[in-house]
Each structure stands twice: as C-alpha cells, then as structure tokens.
C-alpha cells in the first residue's frame, strides 16, 4: 500500500522554480521516499522549490525535519523553500511549531510564484 506520491515538475511560467506535488502523508514510513525525491531535486541544482501540500493530510516530525534540515543549503544557493496549499490540520502544526517564522506559505502555487521568491 502506497501512502505517498511525489511529482516534480518545473513551473510552466518559470522554469527556475520546481514544484513538488505531494499526495498522501509524510511520516516515519514515507519520509525516506519523500526525502530521496527532495534530495534528487537539490542534487540537480534546483533551489527554488515550492512544495504543494494540498493533497497531504498529515506531516510528522520526520517530514517537518526534511524541510528544515535543507533550508540553510537552499538559501545559501540563493534559493528558497515555500509551502503551499496546507489544509487546516497541517497548517495548525506548521504554526504551532512556529515554522511560519522561517518558512513562507501561500494558499496556492500561483501566489507562491508571484509573491514568494524575492528578486535578487
């Protein structure tokens, strides 16, 4: 039984931005699969990332840890990591952990593209 799927695509209007669309949940059993895909994107020198979580209903500490652990590397490469489409339960944990102080989030991919990445 598969509990996670991750699709990676370049944003149609901005090829510098990679969109990771996640479906399922990110916990200790699925985090390694998500982390592998996440690292594959970074290894391909893609550092402007949007993670679309609209189809994710749960993220455990293992999942949150993946985002936080690579943030310094991403920003050192003049990139950023933006989360979009969080449902209320995921968003509540995001704010409870105060990740909203270090990670941007937007309701959808289009808003993240237009408002999220600061021009150098």
Protein backbone atom coordinates (compact mmCIF):
# COMPACT_ATOMS: atom_id res chain seq x y z
CA UNK A 1 0.00 0.00 0.00
CA UNK A 2 1.48 3.29 -1.09
CA UNK A 3 0.97 6.17 1.32
CA UNK A 4 2.83 8.89 -0.55
CA UNK A 5 3.48 10.03 -4.07
CA UNK A 6 5.63 12.95 -5.15
CA UNK A 7 5.53 14.53 -8.58
CA UNK A 8 8.25 17.00 -9.56
CA UNK A 9 7.77 19.48 -12.39
CA UNK A 10 9.14 22.82 -13.49
CA UNK A 11 6.66 25.64 -13.15
CA UNK A 12 5.21 26.34 -16.64
CA UNK A 13 5.87 30.09 -16.48
CA UNK A 14 9.18 29.99 -14.59
CA UNK A 15 11.48 27.05 -15.34
CA UNK A 16 13.79 28.06 -12.44
CA UNK A 17 11.07 27.01 -9.99
CA UNK A 18 10.47 23.34 -9.22
CA UNK A 19 7.08 22.30 -7.88
CA UNK A 20 6.92 19.16 -5.75
CA UNK A 21 3.30 18.00 -5.58
CA UNK A 22 2.85 15.62 -2.68
CA UNK A 23 -0.11 13.29 -2.15
CA UNK A 24 -0.73 11.21 0.97
CA UNK A 25 1.05 11.76 4.24
CA UNK A 26 4.62 12.29 5.36
CA UNK A 27 5.52 10.23 8.44
CA UNK A 28 8.37 7.97 9.54
CA UNK A 29 7.42 5.29 6.99
CA UNK A 30 7.04 7.61 3.99
CA UNK A 31 9.60 10.31 4.87
CA UNK A 32 12.56 8.42 3.32
CA UNK A 33 10.82 8.25 -0.05
CA UNK A 34 9.92 11.94 0.08
CA UNK A 35 13.45 12.83 1.25
CA UNK A 36 15.02 10.94 -1.67
CA UNK A 37 12.94 12.88 -4.20
CA UNK A 38 13.63 16.15 -2.36
CA UNK A 39 17.39 15.48 -2.43
CA UNK A 40 17.26 14.47 -6.11
CA UNK A 41 15.82 17.91 -6.91
CA UNK A 42 18.54 19.65 -4.87
CA UNK A 43 21.25 17.48 -6.46
CA UNK A 44 20.03 18.75 -9.85
CA UNK A 45 20.82 22.29 -8.68
CA UNK A 46 17.19 23.28 -8.33
CA UNK A 47 16.98 25.55 -5.30
CA UNK A 48 13.75 27.48 -5.90
CA UNK A 49 11.25 24.99 -4.55
CA UNK A 50 7.52 25.02 -4.00
CA UNK A 51 6.10 22.06 -2.10
CA UNK A 52 2.40 21.71 -2.86
CA UNK A 53 0.75 20.08 0.16
CA UNK A 54 -2.91 20.40 -0.86
CA UNK A 55 -3.23 16.60 -1.03
CA UNK A 56 -1.33 15.96 2.23
CA UNK A 57 -3.37 15.39 5.36
CA UNK A 58 -0.57 14.73 7.86
CA UNK A 59 3.11 15.59 8.34
CA UNK A 60 5.01 14.06 11.27
CA UNK A 61 8.16 15.48 12.84
CA UNK A 62 10.15 13.36 10.37
CA UNK A 63 8.52 15.21 7.49
CA UNK A 64 8.95 18.67 9.00
CA UNK A 65 12.59 17.80 9.70
CA UNK A 66 13.28 17.23 6.00
CA UNK A 67 12.17 20.76 5.16
CA UNK A 68 14.13 22.39 7.96
CA UNK A 69 17.31 20.35 7.53
CA UNK A 70 17.90 21.53 3.96
CA UNK A 71 16.79 25.15 4.37
CA UNK A 72 20.29 26.53 5.01
CA UNK A 73 21.70 24.74 1.94
CA UNK A 74 18.84 26.01 -0.24
CA UNK A 75 19.18 29.63 0.86
CA UNK A 76 22.97 29.53 0.56
CA UNK A 77 22.37 28.82 -3.14
CA UNK A 78 20.09 31.89 -3.37
CA UNK A 79 17.00 29.70 -3.45
CA UNK A 80 14.05 29.25 -1.14
CA UNK A 81 11.56 26.65 0.00
CA UNK A 82 7.90 27.64 0.01
CA UNK A 83 4.99 25.52 1.20
CA UNK A 84 1.56 25.88 -0.39
CA UNK A 85 -1.94 24.51 -0.04
CA UNK A 86 -1.73 23.30 3.55
CA UNK A 87 -5.02 22.01 4.91
CA UNK A 88 -6.12 23.37 8.33
CA UNK A 89 -4.66 20.45 10.32
CA UNK A 90 -1.24 20.65 8.66
CA UNK A 91 -1.26 24.46 8.85
CA UNK A 92 -2.08 24.34 12.55
CA UNK A 93 1.00 22.21 13.28
CA UNK A 94 3.11 24.43 10.99
CA UNK A 95 2.14 27.45 13.09
CA UNK A 96 2.33 25.61 16.42
CA UNK A 97 5.93 24.65 15.66
CA UNK A 98 6.49 28.30 14.62
CA UNK A 99 7.82 27.24 11.23
CA UNK A 100 5.84 30.17 9.87
CA UNK A 101 8.66 32.36 11.23
CA UNK A 102 11.25 30.71 8.94
CA UNK A 103 9.25 29.29 6.01
CA UNK A 104 6.84 31.11 3.73
CA UNK A 105 3.49 29.60 2.94
CA UNK A 106 0.79 30.55 0.46
CA UNK A 107 -2.67 29.22 -0.39
CA UNK A 108 -1.60 28.06 -3.88
CA UNK A 109 1.28 27.70 -6.32
CA UNK A 110 0.43 30.83 -8.35
CA UNK A 111 0.61 33.09 -5.29
CA UNK A 112 3.90 31.49 -4.24
CA UNK A 113 5.38 32.15 -7.68
CA UNK A 114 4.27 35.80 -7.81
CA UNK A 115 4.88 36.75 -4.17
CA UNK A 116 7.27 34.20 -2.70
CA UNK A 117 10.59 34.46 -4.45
CA UNK A 118 12.36 37.75 -3.87
CA UNK A 119 14.15 39.18 -6.85
CA UNK A 120 17.90 39.37 -6.37
